[in-house]
Amino acid sequence: MKGNFDHFMQKEIYEQPESVVNTMRGRVNLDTGKVTLGGLKAYLSTIRRCRRIVFIACGTSYHSSVATRAIFEELTEIPVSTELASDFLDRKTPIFRDDVCVFISQSGETADTISRETHCGVHINAGPEIGVASTKAYTSQYISLLLMALQLSEDRISMASRREEILQSLHELPVKIKDVLSLDSSLQQMAKDSFVHEKSLLIMGRGYQHATCLEGALKIKEVSYIHSGGILAGELKHGSLALIDENMPVILIMTKDSLYPKVRSALEQVSARKGQPIIICNEGETKIDGAAKTISIPSTADCVQGILTIIPIQLLSYHLAVLRGVDVDFPRNLAKSVTVE
C-alpha cells in the first residue's frame, strides 16, 4: 500500500498534486468561470441569504476553516466565525435560524463535530488517508472551502476579476505543488541541521498564513514530539517576543501579499533579538536580511498561497519524526478519528 515510500504520511504528502485535482475534478469549469458543488445546489439561495456562516471543526479541519475565513468574507460579504467544536459545545453557543453552520471533518466520524442531521454537504475526494497526521485531507478541505466561497459568490459582478484570479491559481496549483515537493532533499537536510535536537520551535505569519502557522505547529508536535507554537505575527509584541533569542528556532512565513511589509517588520523584531529565522518566501527573494536560511516556493493568489506554504512544513515534520525515530504514521496517544467528546 505504501508503494515506493517508507511511510503512509510521506506517500500522502506526495499524493497532493493528484488529490487536489480530484477535489476539483468535475466541479470547476475554467472556460466559464463556473464552480459547481452538486451537494450544495438545492441550498445555495438559502446560504446566500443567511445572517452569518459558522465553521465548526477540530484540529486540522479547524485550521482549514481559519485558512479560508477571510476569502469567504471577501467574496460573499457574509460574516464568518470559526469555532472549535469542543468549545462550541461547552459554551452552548447561541445559533439563530438564519445562521448557516458548516461542519468540517476529515473522517466524517468525529463525535463532537458531526451530526446525522445535515441538509447538504461536500465530499473532499482526497482518497484514503492512513497516517494519523492529516496532510492531503487538509489541502483538499482548504480547496473545497475555496470552491464553496467561489460558488456562493458567482452572482457578484464586483468579484468577477478576483474569482478569475483564484480559479487560475487553482488551475496552476498541481504543477506548483510538484515544484514544492522537489525541495524535499534540502528540507530533509534542514531538519537534520537546524531542528532535530531542539525542544521547541515557533512558526510565525499573519493574514492568510496564520492558518499555516497553526497547522504547521500541529504537524510538528504530533509526529516529531517537538513542542511547537503557531504565532500570529501581529501579536508578537503581546508576549511571544519574550521567547526570542539566539537559541530559539523560528520559521517565519513571509510571502508576497498585502501584509508583506507588516511581516517584514516582525522579521526585524526577531532579528533585533538575535533570532535567526528560517524564512518561507516566494521565488526570487534570494537574499533576505536577517534570515538564517530561506525556503523558496512558487507564488500564487494570496488566498491559495497557504496550500503551498504548508507543504514544506509537512515535509519538515515528517523528516524530523524519522530522524528522531518515532512512529510517523501512528503517533503515541493519538487516533485517526476522535469518537468521544
Protein backbone atom coordinates (compact mmCIF):
# COMPACT_ATOMS: atom_id res chain seq x y z
CA MET A 1 0.00 0.00 0.00
CA LYS A 2 2.93 2.34 0.63
CA GLY A 3 4.38 1.73 -2.83
CA ASN A 4 7.90 3.14 -3.03
CA PHE A 5 7.51 5.18 0.13
CA ASP A 6 8.71 4.36 3.64
CA HIS A 7 5.62 5.65 5.43
CA PHE A 8 2.00 6.43 4.67
CA MET A 9 2.49 10.06 5.72
CA GLN A 10 5.26 10.51 3.16
CA LYS A 11 3.13 8.86 0.48
CA GLU A 12 0.14 11.08 1.28
CA ILE A 13 2.25 14.26 1.16
CA TYR A 14 3.42 13.22 -2.31
CA GLU A 15 -0.12 12.43 -3.44
CA GLN A 16 -1.20 16.06 -3.10
CA PRO A 17 -0.72 17.06 -6.77
CA GLU A 18 -3.28 14.35 -7.60
CA SER A 19 -5.55 14.76 -4.57
CA VAL A 20 -6.12 18.47 -5.21
CA VAL A 21 -7.08 17.65 -8.81
CA ASN A 22 -9.53 15.03 -7.53
CA THR A 23 -11.08 17.60 -5.22
CA MET A 24 -11.67 19.95 -8.18
CA ARG A 25 -12.50 17.33 -10.84
CA GLY A 26 -15.94 17.88 -12.39
CA ARG A 27 -16.52 20.94 -10.22
CA VAL A 28 -14.51 23.71 -11.87
CA ASN A 29 -15.05 24.98 -15.42
CA LEU A 30 -12.23 27.38 -16.26
CA ASP A 31 -13.77 28.39 -19.58
CA THR A 32 -16.97 29.70 -18.00
CA GLY A 33 -15.54 30.51 -14.57
CA LYS A 34 -18.28 28.38 -13.03
CA VAL A 35 -17.90 26.26 -9.90
CA THR A 36 -20.48 23.54 -9.24
CA LEU A 37 -20.69 21.71 -5.94
CA GLY A 38 -23.67 19.44 -6.53
CA GLY A 39 -24.21 18.79 -2.84
CA LEU A 40 -24.97 22.46 -2.20
CA LYS A 41 -27.08 23.16 -5.28
CA ALA A 42 -30.51 22.98 -3.62
CA TYR A 43 -29.45 25.25 -0.76
CA LEU A 44 -27.41 27.98 -2.49
CA SER A 45 -30.13 30.64 -2.27
CA THR A 46 -30.69 29.85 1.41
CA ILE A 47 -26.98 30.11 2.21
CA ARG A 48 -26.66 33.40 0.31
CA ARG A 49 -29.48 34.91 2.42
CA CYS A 50 -28.02 33.85 5.77
CA ARG A 51 -27.01 36.26 8.50
CA ARG A 52 -23.66 34.59 9.19
CA ILE A 53 -21.70 31.43 8.44
CA VAL A 54 -20.27 29.43 11.34
CA PHE A 55 -17.42 26.99 10.66
CA ILE A 56 -17.26 24.24 13.30
CA ALA A 57 -14.34 21.80 13.34
CA CYS A 58 -11.46 20.25 15.29
CA GLY A 59 -7.69 20.14 14.81
CA THR A 60 -6.51 20.23 11.21
CA SER A 61 -10.07 20.67 9.94
CA TYR A 62 -10.38 23.77 12.13
CA HIS A 63 -7.22 25.16 10.57
CA SER A 64 -8.71 24.75 7.08
CA SER A 65 -11.61 26.95 8.21
CA VAL A 66 -9.22 29.58 9.60
CA ALA A 67 -7.33 29.50 6.28
CA THR A 68 -10.44 30.28 4.22
CA ARG A 69 -12.46 32.54 6.52
CA ALA A 70 -11.08 35.78 5.06
CA ILE A 71 -11.75 34.85 1.42
CA PHE A 72 -15.26 33.68 2.36
CA GLU A 73 -15.98 37.10 3.86
CA GLU A 74 -14.36 38.94 0.95
CA LEU A 75 -16.24 37.09 -1.78
CA THR A 76 -19.65 36.70 -0.12
CA GLU A 77 -19.70 39.70 2.25
CA ILE A 78 -21.26 37.40 4.85
CA PRO A 79 -19.69 37.44 8.35
CA VAL A 80 -17.88 34.19 9.12
CA SER A 81 -16.89 32.82 12.53
CA THR A 82 -14.67 29.81 13.21
CA GLU A 83 -15.36 27.57 16.20
CA LEU A 84 -13.53 24.67 17.79
CA ALA A 85 -16.22 22.01 18.08
CA SER A 86 -15.44 21.09 21.69
CA ASP A 87 -15.55 24.73 22.83
CA PHE A 88 -18.66 25.39 20.75
CA LEU A 89 -20.48 22.67 22.70
CA ASP A 90 -19.07 23.72 26.07
CA ARG A 91 -20.21 27.34 25.62
CA LYS A 92 -23.70 26.38 24.47
CA THR A 93 -23.21 28.93 21.70
CA PRO A 94 -26.40 30.70 20.51
CA ILE A 95 -27.32 29.82 16.92
CA PHE A 96 -30.12 31.62 15.09
CA ARG A 97 -32.48 30.27 12.45
CA ASP A 98 -30.84 32.34 9.69
CA ASP A 99 -27.30 31.15 10.53
CA VAL A 100 -25.58 28.55 8.35
CA CYS A 101 -23.32 26.07 10.17
CA VAL A 102 -20.60 24.33 8.19
CA PHE A 103 -19.18 21.22 9.90
CA ILE A 104 -15.73 20.17 8.66
CA SER A 105 -14.35 16.69 9.32
CA GLN A 106 -11.71 14.60 7.56
CA SER A 107 -13.22 11.32 8.76
CA GLY A 108 -16.90 12.21 8.82
CA GLU A 109 -17.00 10.42 12.17
CA THR A 110 -15.73 12.96 14.69
CA ALA A 111 -18.10 12.75 17.63
CA ASP A 112 -18.03 16.40 18.69
CA THR A 113 -18.30 17.78 15.14
CA ILE A 114 -20.63 15.65 13.03
CA SER A 115 -24.35 15.23 13.50
CA ARG A 116 -26.60 12.94 11.50
CA GLU A 117 -28.88 15.89 10.81
CA THR A 118 -27.24 17.62 7.84
CA HIS A 119 -29.08 19.31 5.00
CA CYS A 120 -26.31 19.21 2.40
CA GLY A 121 -22.61 18.51 2.08
CA VAL A 122 -19.43 18.39 0.01
CA HIS A 123 -17.03 15.44 -0.26
CA ILE A 124 -13.37 16.45 -0.41
CA ASN A 125 -12.48 13.43 -2.61
CA ALA A 126 -8.92 13.21 -1.29
CA GLY A 127 -8.88 9.41 -1.19
CA PRO A 128 -7.89 7.25 1.80
CA GLU A 129 -5.56 8.82 4.36
CA ILE A 130 -3.94 6.24 6.65
CA GLY A 131 -1.44 8.39 8.55
CA VAL A 132 -2.90 9.88 11.73
CA ALA A 133 -1.32 13.26 10.93
CA SER A 134 -3.52 14.76 8.22
CA THR A 135 -1.75 16.10 5.13
CA LYS A 136 -3.63 15.71 1.86
CA ALA A 137 -7.01 15.94 3.63
CA TYR A 138 -6.03 19.41 4.86
CA THR A 139 -5.22 20.75 1.41
CA SER A 140 -8.37 19.16 -0.04
CA GLN A 141 -10.54 20.66 2.71
CA TYR A 142 -8.89 24.02 2.03
CA ILE A 143 -9.75 23.77 -1.68
CA SER A 144 -13.30 22.53 -1.00
CA LEU A 145 -13.97 25.60 1.14
CA LEU A 146 -12.45 27.87 -1.54
CA LEU A 147 -14.76 26.28 -4.11
CA MET A 148 -17.73 26.81 -1.82
CA ALA A 149 -16.88 30.52 -1.49
CA LEU A 150 -16.46 30.79 -5.27
CA GLN A 151 -19.83 29.15 -5.93
CA LEU A 152 -21.65 31.33 -3.41
CA SER A 153 -20.19 34.49 -4.98
CA GLU A 154 -20.77 33.65 -8.66
CA ASP A 155 -23.58 36.23 -8.97
CA ARG A 156 -21.41 39.07 -7.60
CA ILE A 157 -20.22 41.10 -10.61
CA SER A 158 -17.85 43.16 -8.46
CA MET A 159 -15.93 39.99 -7.58
CA ALA A 160 -15.54 38.69 -11.15
CA SER A 161 -11.85 39.56 -11.55
CA ARG A 162 -10.99 38.26 -8.08
CA ARG A 163 -12.78 34.98 -8.79
CA GLU A 164 -10.93 34.67 -12.10
CA GLU A 165 -7.59 35.17 -10.32
CA ILE A 166 -8.41 32.45 -7.78
CA LEU A 167 -9.64 29.99 -10.42
CA GLN A 168 -6.48 30.49 -12.48
CA SER A 169 -4.36 29.91 -9.36
CA LEU A 170 -6.25 26.69 -8.62
CA HIS A 171 -5.65 25.55 -12.21
CA GLU A 172 -1.88 26.07 -11.79
CA LEU A 173 -1.76 24.53 -8.31
CA PRO A 174 -0.84 20.87 -9.10
CA VAL A 175 2.30 21.90 -11.01
CA LYS A 176 3.33 24.31 -8.25
CA ILE A 177 2.81 21.63 -5.58
CA LYS A 178 5.23 19.41 -7.54
CA ASP A 179 7.73 22.29 -7.52
CA VAL A 180 7.49 22.48 -3.72
CA LEU A 181 7.87 18.70 -3.37
CA SER A 182 11.12 18.93 -5.35
CA LEU A 183 12.61 20.72 -2.31
CA ASP A 184 12.33 17.53 -0.25
CA SER A 185 16.03 16.64 -0.04
CA SER A 186 17.03 20.15 1.05
CA LEU A 187 14.24 20.14 3.65
CA GLN A 188 15.49 16.78 4.95
CA GLN A 189 18.95 18.30 5.40
CA MET A 190 17.44 21.37 7.06
CA ALA A 191 15.55 19.17 9.53
CA LYS A 192 18.83 17.41 10.38
CA ASP A 193 20.92 20.59 10.68
CA SER A 194 18.51 23.00 12.33
CA PHE A 195 15.73 21.26 14.25
CA VAL A 196 16.28 17.60 15.16
CA HIS A 197 17.82 18.27 18.59
CA GLU A 198 15.57 21.19 19.51
CA LYS A 199 12.98 21.01 22.27
CA SER A 200 10.80 23.84 20.99
CA LEU A 201 10.21 25.97 17.90
CA LEU A 202 7.97 28.83 16.79
CA ILE A 203 6.21 29.34 13.45
CA MET A 204 5.08 32.89 12.65
CA GLY A 205 2.99 34.57 9.98
CA ARG A 206 -0.10 36.68 9.55
CA GLY A 207 -3.12 37.08 7.33
CA TYR A 208 -3.74 34.00 5.22
CA GLN A 209 -0.55 32.43 6.61
CA HIS A 210 -1.74 32.37 10.22
CA ALA A 211 -3.55 29.09 9.50
CA THR A 212 -0.32 27.66 8.06
CA CYS A 213 1.44 28.54 11.33
CA LEU A 214 -1.22 26.77 13.40
CA GLU A 215 -1.34 23.72 11.14
CA GLY A 216 2.46 23.54 10.77
CA ALA A 217 2.93 23.69 14.54
CA LEU A 218 0.35 20.93 15.00
CA LYS A 219 2.09 18.70 12.44
CA ILE A 220 5.48 19.11 14.11
CA LYS A 221 4.24 18.46 17.62
CA GLU A 222 2.07 15.46 16.72
CA VAL A 223 4.58 13.49 14.65
CA SER A 224 8.01 14.58 15.98
CA TYR A 225 7.04 15.32 19.60
CA ILE A 226 8.82 18.68 19.50
CA HIS A 227 6.90 21.42 21.28
CA SER A 228 5.90 23.98 18.65
CA GLY A 229 3.68 27.03 18.58
CA GLY A 230 1.94 28.85 15.75
CA ILE A 231 2.02 32.59 16.36
CA LEU A 232 0.13 35.41 14.66
CA ALA A 233 2.97 37.82 13.85
CA GLY A 234 0.77 40.79 14.71
CA GLU A 235 0.63 39.50 18.30
CA LEU A 236 4.40 39.14 18.64
CA LYS A 237 4.83 42.14 20.94
CA HIS A 238 2.00 41.00 23.19
CA GLY A 239 4.11 38.31 24.83
CA SER A 240 5.72 35.87 22.40
CA LEU A 241 8.65 38.18 21.64
CA ALA A 242 9.98 37.35 25.12
CA LEU A 243 10.79 33.84 23.85
CA ILE A 244 13.07 35.08 21.07
CA ASP A 245 16.83 34.79 21.43
CA GLU A 246 19.71 33.22 19.51
CA ASN A 247 18.71 29.75 20.74
CA MET A 248 15.01 29.74 19.78
CA PRO A 249 14.35 28.17 16.34
CA VAL A 250 11.90 30.26 14.32
CA ILE A 251 10.17 29.68 10.99
CA LEU A 252 8.70 32.88 9.52
CA ILE A 253 6.29 32.77 6.58
CA MET A 254 6.84 35.91 4.51
CA THR A 255 5.14 35.58 1.13
CA LYS A 256 4.35 38.48 -1.18
CA ASP A 257 0.86 39.75 -0.36
CA SER A 258 -0.72 42.90 1.04
CA LEU A 259 0.67 42.17 4.53
CA TYR A 260 4.28 41.70 3.39
CA PRO A 261 5.53 44.99 4.94
CA LYS A 262 4.00 44.05 8.30
CA VAL A 263 5.61 40.60 8.25
CA ARG A 264 8.95 42.19 7.37
CA SER A 265 8.53 44.35 10.46
CA ALA A 266 8.10 41.15 12.50
CA LEU A 267 11.32 39.81 10.93
CA GLU A 268 13.14 42.96 12.05
CA GLN A 269 11.80 42.50 15.58
CA VAL A 270 13.03 38.89 15.67
CA SER A 271 16.43 39.80 14.19
CA ALA A 272 16.89 42.62 16.71
CA ARG A 273 16.63 39.98 19.48
CA LYS A 274 19.36 37.87 17.80
CA GLY A 275 16.82 35.46 16.34
CA GLN A 276 17.88 33.54 13.22
CA PRO A 277 14.60 32.71 11.48
CA ILE A 278 14.22 30.37 8.54
CA ILE A 279 12.04 32.23 6.03
CA ILE A 280 9.42 30.64 3.78
CA CYS A 281 9.25 33.13 0.91
CA ASN A 282 8.32 33.36 -2.75
CA GLU A 283 10.77 32.51 -5.51
CA GLY A 284 13.01 35.39 -6.50
CA GLU A 285 13.76 36.55 -2.96
CA THR A 286 17.23 35.07 -2.80
CA LYS A 287 18.59 37.34 -0.07
CA ILE A 288 16.55 38.49 2.91
CA ASP A 289 18.39 40.45 5.61
CA GLY A 290 18.06 38.73 8.96
CA ALA A 291 17.23 35.28 7.56
CA ALA A 292 19.37 32.30 8.54
CA LYS A 293 18.04 30.30 5.57
CA THR A 294 15.22 30.59 3.05
CA ILE A 295 12.72 28.12 1.61
CA SER A 296 11.58 29.49 -1.75
CA ILE A 297 8.18 28.43 -3.08
CA PRO A 298 6.15 29.49 -6.15
CA SER A 299 3.83 32.47 -5.80
CA THR A 300 0.08 32.27 -6.34
CA ALA A 301 -3.07 34.14 -5.29
CA ASP A 302 -2.86 35.20 -1.63
CA CYS A 303 -5.82 33.04 -0.56
CA VAL A 304 -4.32 29.96 -2.26
CA GLN A 305 -0.74 30.51 -1.08
CA GLY A 306 -1.37 28.64 2.18
CA ILE A 307 -1.60 25.36 0.27
CA LEU A 308 1.97 25.85 -0.95
CA THR A 309 3.36 27.15 2.37
CA ILE A 310 2.12 24.19 4.43
CA ILE A 311 3.81 21.52 2.30
CA PRO A 312 7.43 22.40 3.28
CA ILE A 313 6.37 22.18 6.95
CA GLN A 314 4.63 18.84 6.32
CA LEU A 315 7.90 17.56 4.86
CA LEU A 316 9.97 19.02 7.71
CA SER A 317 7.72 17.40 10.31
CA TYR A 318 7.96 14.06 8.51
CA HIS A 319 11.76 14.15 8.35
CA LEU A 320 12.02 15.26 11.98
CA ALA A 321 9.90 12.29 13.04
CA VAL A 322 12.07 9.87 11.04
CA LEU A 323 15.31 11.38 12.38
CA ARG A 324 14.02 11.17 15.95
CA GLY A 325 12.99 7.53 15.49
CA VAL A 326 9.31 7.91 16.32
CA ASP A 327 6.32 6.16 14.74
CA VAL A 328 5.47 8.55 11.89
CA ASP A 329 2.13 7.10 10.86
CA PHE A 330 0.76 6.32 14.31
CA PRO A 331 1.99 8.87 16.87
CA ARG A 332 1.60 7.91 20.51
CA ASN A 333 -1.71 8.65 22.26
CA LEU A 334 -3.48 9.69 19.02
CA ALA A 335 -6.12 8.14 16.76
CA LYS A 336 -7.25 8.96 13.21
CA SER A 337 -10.83 9.71 14.16
CA VAL A 338 -11.97 11.00 17.55
CA THR A 339 -15.17 9.30 18.59
CA VAL A 340 -15.51 10.64 22.14
CA GLU A 341 -16.13 14.15 23.41
